[in-house]
Amino acid sequence: MILPKTKLTVGDNSGPSLVESIRILSGAKYGNIGDKIVLTVKKNPKNQKIKKGQVLKGIIIRTKFGIRRPNGTRISFPDNSVILLNTQGNLIGNRISGPVPRELRKWNQLKILSLATKIY
């Protein structure tokens, strides 16, 4: 469950290491895996093209709360993580670190699955 003001790690190689959610774009009270959110950059290494304080959009790929699968099992992750998008909706990074759930295929996020190293 991702609420506004939740701190998230960045799961791709786009530059920032820590972001904070501002708003959930699906209109729900909280965001879950596969939802688009508006976020701001909180921590960023030096000499990156994405600056601290910049407002971006992203897709949630991992949550501590997790999701329930149709067979009754629940999958959760050790951190809350997001992938950053540019203004056209394309991925900024070209490599995704860590696992991503296979449920992203149902939500037409095939580009994320093709760049992921591990799919659970």
N, C-alpha and C. Protein backbone atom coordinates (compact mmCIF):
# COMPACT_ATOMS: atom_id res chain seq x y z
N MET A 1 0.85 -1.18 0.00
CA MET A 1 0.00 0.00 0.00
C MET A 1 0.89 1.24 0.00
N ILE A 2 0.76 2.02 -1.04
CA ILE A 2 1.54 3.24 -1.18
C ILE A 2 0.59 4.43 -1.04
N LEU A 3 0.83 5.23 -0.02
CA LEU A 3 0.06 6.43 0.23
C LEU A 3 0.87 7.65 -0.19
N PRO A 4 0.25 8.82 -0.29
CA PRO A 4 1.05 10.04 -0.50
C PRO A 4 2.04 10.22 0.65
N LYS A 5 3.20 10.77 0.34
CA LYS A 5 4.31 10.99 1.28
C LYS A 5 5.06 9.72 1.64
N THR A 6 4.84 8.61 0.92
CA THR A 6 5.58 7.38 1.15
C THR A 6 6.92 7.46 0.43
N LYS A 7 7.99 7.08 1.12
CA LYS A 7 9.33 7.05 0.51
C LYS A 7 9.49 5.72 -0.22
N LEU A 8 10.02 5.79 -1.46
CA LEU A 8 10.21 4.60 -2.29
C LEU A 8 11.63 4.59 -2.83
N THR A 9 12.17 3.40 -3.03
CA THR A 9 13.45 3.28 -3.72
C THR A 9 13.19 3.20 -5.21
N VAL A 10 14.21 3.51 -6.00
CA VAL A 10 14.09 3.45 -7.46
C VAL A 10 14.67 2.13 -7.92
N GLY A 11 13.90 1.37 -8.69
CA GLY A 11 14.29 0.03 -9.10
C GLY A 11 14.95 -0.04 -10.46
N ASP A 12 15.33 1.09 -11.06
CA ASP A 12 16.03 1.06 -12.35
C ASP A 12 17.28 1.92 -12.26
N ASN A 13 18.00 2.03 -13.36
CA ASN A 13 19.26 2.76 -13.36
C ASN A 13 19.10 4.18 -13.90
N SER A 14 18.00 4.82 -13.61
CA SER A 14 17.74 6.16 -14.14
C SER A 14 18.50 7.25 -13.39
N GLY A 15 18.98 7.00 -12.19
CA GLY A 15 19.77 7.98 -11.47
C GLY A 15 19.39 8.15 -10.02
N PRO A 16 18.18 8.64 -9.68
CA PRO A 16 17.85 8.87 -8.27
C PRO A 16 17.82 7.57 -7.48
N SER A 17 18.07 7.69 -6.17
CA SER A 17 18.03 6.50 -5.33
C SER A 17 16.82 6.49 -4.40
N LEU A 18 16.23 7.67 -4.11
CA LEU A 18 15.09 7.74 -3.21
C LEU A 18 14.10 8.78 -3.73
N VAL A 19 12.83 8.40 -3.78
CA VAL A 19 11.77 9.31 -4.22
C VAL A 19 10.63 9.27 -3.21
N GLU A 20 9.73 10.24 -3.29
CA GLU A 20 8.58 10.32 -2.41
C GLU A 20 7.33 10.47 -3.25
N SER A 21 6.31 9.68 -2.94
CA SER A 21 5.07 9.74 -3.72
C SER A 21 4.29 11.00 -3.36
N ILE A 22 3.63 11.57 -4.36
CA ILE A 22 2.79 12.75 -4.16
C ILE A 22 1.32 12.39 -4.32
N ARG A 23 1.02 11.62 -5.37
CA ARG A 23 -0.38 11.33 -5.69
C ARG A 23 -0.48 10.01 -6.44
N ILE A 24 -1.56 9.28 -6.21
CA ILE A 24 -1.84 8.04 -6.93
C ILE A 24 -2.75 8.41 -8.11
N LEU A 25 -2.34 8.07 -9.33
CA LEU A 25 -3.08 8.48 -10.52
C LEU A 25 -4.29 7.62 -10.82
N SER A 26 -4.42 6.47 -10.20
CA SER A 26 -5.57 5.60 -10.47
C SER A 26 -6.83 6.09 -9.78
N GLY A 27 -6.72 7.07 -8.89
CA GLY A 27 -7.88 7.58 -8.17
C GLY A 27 -8.19 6.81 -6.91
N ALA A 28 -7.42 5.78 -6.63
CA ALA A 28 -7.65 4.98 -5.43
C ALA A 28 -7.05 5.67 -4.21
N LYS A 29 -7.41 5.17 -3.05
CA LYS A 29 -6.90 5.74 -1.81
C LYS A 29 -5.41 5.43 -1.63
N TYR A 30 -5.00 4.25 -2.06
CA TYR A 30 -3.60 3.86 -1.99
C TYR A 30 -3.20 3.13 -3.26
N GLY A 31 -1.93 3.11 -3.55
CA GLY A 31 -1.43 2.47 -4.76
C GLY A 31 -0.87 1.09 -4.46
N ASN A 32 -0.94 0.23 -5.45
CA ASN A 32 -0.39 -1.11 -5.34
C ASN A 32 0.44 -1.39 -6.58
N ILE A 33 0.94 -2.59 -6.72
CA ILE A 33 1.80 -2.95 -7.84
C ILE A 33 1.08 -2.73 -9.16
N GLY A 34 1.76 -2.04 -10.10
CA GLY A 34 1.22 -1.76 -11.41
C GLY A 34 0.54 -0.41 -11.54
N ASP A 35 0.34 0.31 -10.44
CA ASP A 35 -0.31 1.63 -10.49
C ASP A 35 0.69 2.71 -10.85
N LYS A 36 0.20 3.74 -11.54
CA LYS A 36 1.03 4.90 -11.86
C LYS A 36 0.87 5.94 -10.76
N ILE A 37 1.98 6.59 -10.40
CA ILE A 37 1.97 7.59 -9.36
C ILE A 37 2.79 8.81 -9.79
N VAL A 38 2.52 9.94 -9.16
CA VAL A 38 3.32 11.14 -9.32
C VAL A 38 4.26 11.19 -8.13
N LEU A 39 5.54 11.50 -8.38
CA LEU A 39 6.52 11.48 -7.31
C LEU A 39 7.54 12.58 -7.48
N THR A 40 8.29 12.85 -6.41
CA THR A 40 9.35 13.84 -6.43
C THR A 40 10.65 13.19 -5.97
N VAL A 41 11.77 13.68 -6.50
CA VAL A 41 13.08 13.11 -6.20
C VAL A 41 13.57 13.68 -4.87
N LYS A 42 13.96 12.83 -3.95
CA LYS A 42 14.45 13.24 -2.63
C LYS A 42 15.96 13.09 -2.50
N LYS A 43 16.54 12.01 -3.02
CA LYS A 43 17.97 11.79 -2.91
C LYS A 43 18.51 11.40 -4.28
N ASN A 44 19.59 12.07 -4.68
CA ASN A 44 20.13 11.85 -6.01
C ASN A 44 21.65 12.00 -5.96
N PRO A 45 22.39 11.05 -6.52
CA PRO A 45 23.84 11.23 -6.60
C PRO A 45 24.20 12.44 -7.47
N LYS A 46 25.41 12.92 -7.34
CA LYS A 46 25.83 14.09 -8.10
C LYS A 46 25.95 13.78 -9.59
N ASN A 47 25.90 14.84 -10.39
CA ASN A 47 26.10 14.79 -11.84
C ASN A 47 25.11 13.88 -12.57
N GLN A 48 23.86 13.97 -12.20
CA GLN A 48 22.81 13.21 -12.87
C GLN A 48 21.91 14.19 -13.62
N LYS A 49 21.25 13.74 -14.68
CA LYS A 49 20.38 14.65 -15.42
C LYS A 49 19.02 14.85 -14.73
N ILE A 50 18.64 13.95 -13.81
CA ILE A 50 17.43 14.14 -13.01
C ILE A 50 17.85 14.81 -11.71
N LYS A 51 17.30 15.98 -11.43
CA LYS A 51 17.72 16.78 -10.29
C LYS A 51 16.83 16.52 -9.07
N LYS A 52 17.36 16.84 -7.89
CA LYS A 52 16.60 16.73 -6.65
C LYS A 52 15.46 17.74 -6.68
N GLY A 53 14.26 17.30 -6.28
CA GLY A 53 13.08 18.16 -6.29
C GLY A 53 12.27 18.09 -7.57
N GLN A 54 12.78 17.42 -8.59
CA GLN A 54 12.06 17.30 -9.86
C GLN A 54 10.84 16.39 -9.68
N VAL A 55 9.73 16.74 -10.33
CA VAL A 55 8.49 15.97 -10.25
C VAL A 55 8.40 15.06 -11.49
N LEU A 56 8.20 13.77 -11.26
CA LEU A 56 8.13 12.76 -12.32
C LEU A 56 6.93 11.85 -12.10
N LYS A 57 6.71 10.97 -13.06
CA LYS A 57 5.72 9.90 -12.90
C LYS A 57 6.46 8.58 -12.82
N GLY A 58 5.80 7.57 -12.25
CA GLY A 58 6.41 6.27 -12.11
C GLY A 58 5.39 5.17 -11.99
N ILE A 59 5.86 3.93 -12.11
CA ILE A 59 5.02 2.74 -11.96
C ILE A 59 5.56 1.94 -10.78
N ILE A 60 4.67 1.55 -9.88
CA ILE A 60 5.06 0.77 -8.71
C ILE A 60 5.33 -0.67 -9.15
N ILE A 61 6.53 -1.20 -8.79
CA ILE A 61 6.86 -2.58 -9.17
C ILE A 61 6.98 -3.51 -7.98
N ARG A 62 7.25 -2.98 -6.78
CA ARG A 62 7.34 -3.82 -5.58
C ARG A 62 6.74 -3.08 -4.39
N THR A 63 6.03 -3.82 -3.54
CA THR A 63 5.53 -3.26 -2.28
C THR A 63 5.73 -4.26 -1.15
N LYS A 64 5.87 -3.75 0.04
CA LYS A 64 5.97 -4.62 1.21
C LYS A 64 4.64 -5.31 1.48
N PHE A 65 3.54 -4.63 1.17
CA PHE A 65 2.22 -5.19 1.37
C PHE A 65 1.98 -6.37 0.44
N GLY A 66 2.41 -6.26 -0.81
CA GLY A 66 2.31 -7.36 -1.76
C GLY A 66 0.95 -7.46 -2.42
N ILE A 67 0.75 -8.55 -3.15
CA ILE A 67 -0.52 -8.82 -3.83
C ILE A 67 -0.90 -10.28 -3.63
N ARG A 68 -2.17 -10.55 -3.77
CA ARG A 68 -2.68 -11.92 -3.65
C ARG A 68 -2.88 -12.49 -5.05
N ARG A 69 -2.43 -13.70 -5.22
CA ARG A 69 -2.57 -14.39 -6.51
C ARG A 69 -3.85 -15.22 -6.50
N PRO A 70 -4.35 -15.58 -7.70
CA PRO A 70 -5.61 -16.33 -7.76
C PRO A 70 -5.59 -17.69 -7.06
N ASN A 71 -4.41 -18.31 -6.95
CA ASN A 71 -4.34 -19.61 -6.27
C ASN A 71 -4.30 -19.48 -4.75
N GLY A 72 -4.38 -18.25 -4.21
CA GLY A 72 -4.45 -18.05 -2.78
C GLY A 72 -3.15 -17.65 -2.12
N THR A 73 -2.04 -17.73 -2.84
CA THR A 73 -0.76 -17.33 -2.25
C THR A 73 -0.61 -15.82 -2.29
N ARG A 74 0.24 -15.32 -1.43
CA ARG A 74 0.50 -13.88 -1.36
C ARG A 74 1.98 -13.66 -1.63
N ILE A 75 2.31 -12.70 -2.49
CA ILE A 75 3.69 -12.38 -2.78
C ILE A 75 3.97 -10.96 -2.29
N SER A 76 5.02 -10.80 -1.50
CA SER A 76 5.42 -9.48 -1.02
C SER A 76 6.94 -9.36 -1.15
N PHE A 77 7.44 -8.16 -1.07
CA PHE A 77 8.84 -7.86 -1.30
C PHE A 77 9.43 -7.14 -0.09
N PRO A 78 10.74 -7.10 0.04
CA PRO A 78 11.34 -6.45 1.21
C PRO A 78 11.33 -4.92 1.17
N ASP A 79 11.01 -4.33 0.01
CA ASP A 79 11.03 -2.87 -0.08
C ASP A 79 9.91 -2.38 -0.99
N ASN A 80 9.64 -1.09 -0.92
CA ASN A 80 8.72 -0.43 -1.84
C ASN A 80 9.56 0.18 -2.95
N SER A 81 9.27 -0.15 -4.19
CA SER A 81 10.10 0.30 -5.29
C SER A 81 9.26 0.76 -6.47
N VAL A 82 9.84 1.66 -7.26
CA VAL A 82 9.15 2.27 -8.38
C VAL A 82 10.11 2.39 -9.55
N ILE A 83 9.55 2.45 -10.77
CA ILE A 83 10.33 2.70 -11.98
C ILE A 83 9.90 4.06 -12.51
N LEU A 84 10.85 4.89 -12.91
CA LEU A 84 10.56 6.25 -13.34
C LEU A 84 10.19 6.31 -14.82
N LEU A 85 9.25 7.21 -15.15
CA LEU A 85 8.80 7.42 -16.52
C LEU A 85 9.07 8.86 -16.92
N ASN A 86 9.27 9.09 -18.24
CA ASN A 86 9.42 10.46 -18.71
C ASN A 86 8.04 11.03 -19.06
N THR A 87 8.00 12.22 -19.65
CA THR A 87 6.72 12.88 -19.91
C THR A 87 5.89 12.15 -20.95
N GLN A 88 6.51 11.39 -21.85
CA GLN A 88 5.77 10.62 -22.85
C GLN A 88 5.28 9.29 -22.32
N GLY A 89 5.70 8.90 -21.13
CA GLY A 89 5.28 7.64 -20.54
C GLY A 89 6.23 6.49 -20.80
N ASN A 90 7.41 6.77 -21.36
CA ASN A 90 8.41 5.74 -21.60
C ASN A 90 9.34 5.61 -20.40
N LEU A 91 9.98 4.46 -20.27
CA LEU A 91 10.90 4.23 -19.16
C LEU A 91 12.15 5.09 -19.33
N ILE A 92 12.64 5.66 -18.23
CA ILE A 92 13.87 6.45 -18.28
C ILE A 92 15.08 5.54 -18.24
N GLY A 93 15.08 4.56 -17.36
CA GLY A 93 16.20 3.62 -17.23
C GLY A 93 16.12 2.52 -18.28
N ASN A 94 17.25 1.82 -18.45
CA ASN A 94 17.27 0.72 -19.40
C ASN A 94 17.65 -0.60 -18.75
N ARG A 95 17.64 -0.64 -17.40
CA ARG A 95 17.92 -1.87 -16.68
C ARG A 95 17.12 -1.84 -15.38
N ILE A 96 16.52 -2.95 -15.01
CA ILE A 96 15.72 -3.03 -13.79
C ILE A 96 16.41 -4.00 -12.84
N SER A 97 16.70 -3.52 -11.64
CA SER A 97 17.36 -4.37 -10.65
C SER A 97 16.32 -4.94 -9.69
N GLY A 98 16.54 -6.17 -9.30
CA GLY A 98 15.63 -6.81 -8.36
C GLY A 98 14.47 -7.50 -9.05
N PRO A 99 13.68 -8.24 -8.29
CA PRO A 99 12.57 -8.99 -8.86
C PRO A 99 11.35 -8.12 -9.15
N VAL A 100 10.54 -8.56 -10.11
CA VAL A 100 9.26 -7.94 -10.42
C VAL A 100 8.21 -9.06 -10.51
N PRO A 101 6.96 -8.79 -10.15
CA PRO A 101 5.94 -9.84 -10.21
C PRO A 101 5.46 -10.07 -11.64
N ARG A 102 5.07 -11.30 -11.92
CA ARG A 102 4.59 -11.63 -13.28
C ARG A 102 3.21 -11.06 -13.56
N GLU A 103 2.52 -10.54 -12.54
CA GLU A 103 1.20 -9.93 -12.74
C GLU A 103 1.26 -8.67 -13.59
N LEU A 104 2.45 -8.10 -13.77
CA LEU A 104 2.58 -6.93 -14.63
C LEU A 104 2.19 -7.25 -16.08
N ARG A 105 2.26 -8.52 -16.45
CA ARG A 105 1.86 -8.92 -17.80
C ARG A 105 0.36 -8.69 -18.02
N LYS A 106 -0.46 -8.92 -17.00
CA LYS A 106 -1.91 -8.67 -17.11
C LYS A 106 -2.21 -7.20 -17.34
N TRP A 107 -1.35 -6.33 -16.78
CA TRP A 107 -1.59 -4.89 -16.86
C TRP A 107 -0.82 -4.24 -18.00
N ASN A 108 -0.40 -5.06 -19.00
CA ASN A 108 0.26 -4.59 -20.22
C ASN A 108 1.53 -3.79 -19.95
N GLN A 109 2.34 -4.24 -19.01
CA GLN A 109 3.64 -3.62 -18.73
C GLN A 109 4.74 -4.56 -19.22
N LEU A 110 4.68 -4.93 -20.49
CA LEU A 110 5.59 -5.92 -21.05
C LEU A 110 7.02 -5.41 -21.16
N LYS A 111 7.19 -4.11 -21.35
CA LYS A 111 8.53 -3.53 -21.44
C LYS A 111 9.27 -3.71 -20.11
N ILE A 112 8.56 -3.58 -19.00
CA ILE A 112 9.17 -3.77 -17.68
C ILE A 112 9.61 -5.22 -17.51
N LEU A 113 8.77 -6.15 -17.93
CA LEU A 113 9.12 -7.57 -17.80
C LEU A 113 10.31 -7.94 -18.69
N SER A 114 10.43 -7.33 -19.85
CA SER A 114 11.53 -7.66 -20.73
C SER A 114 12.87 -7.14 -20.20
N LEU A 115 12.85 -6.06 -19.41
CA LEU A 115 14.08 -5.51 -18.86
C LEU A 115 14.45 -6.09 -17.49
N ALA A 116 13.53 -6.80 -16.86
CA ALA A 116 13.76 -7.31 -15.51
C ALA A 116 14.73 -8.49 -15.51
N THR A 117 15.50 -8.58 -14.42
CA THR A 117 16.42 -9.70 -14.28
C THR A 117 15.74 -10.92 -13.67
N LYS A 118 14.81 -10.68 -12.73
CA LYS A 118 14.08 -11.77 -12.08
C LYS A 118 12.60 -11.50 -12.15
N ILE A 119 11.82 -12.52 -12.49
CA ILE A 119 10.37 -12.41 -12.53
C ILE A 119 9.78 -13.43 -11.57
N TYR A 120 8.98 -12.97 -10.60
CA TYR A 120 8.36 -13.86 -9.63
C TYR A 120 6.88 -13.98 -9.91
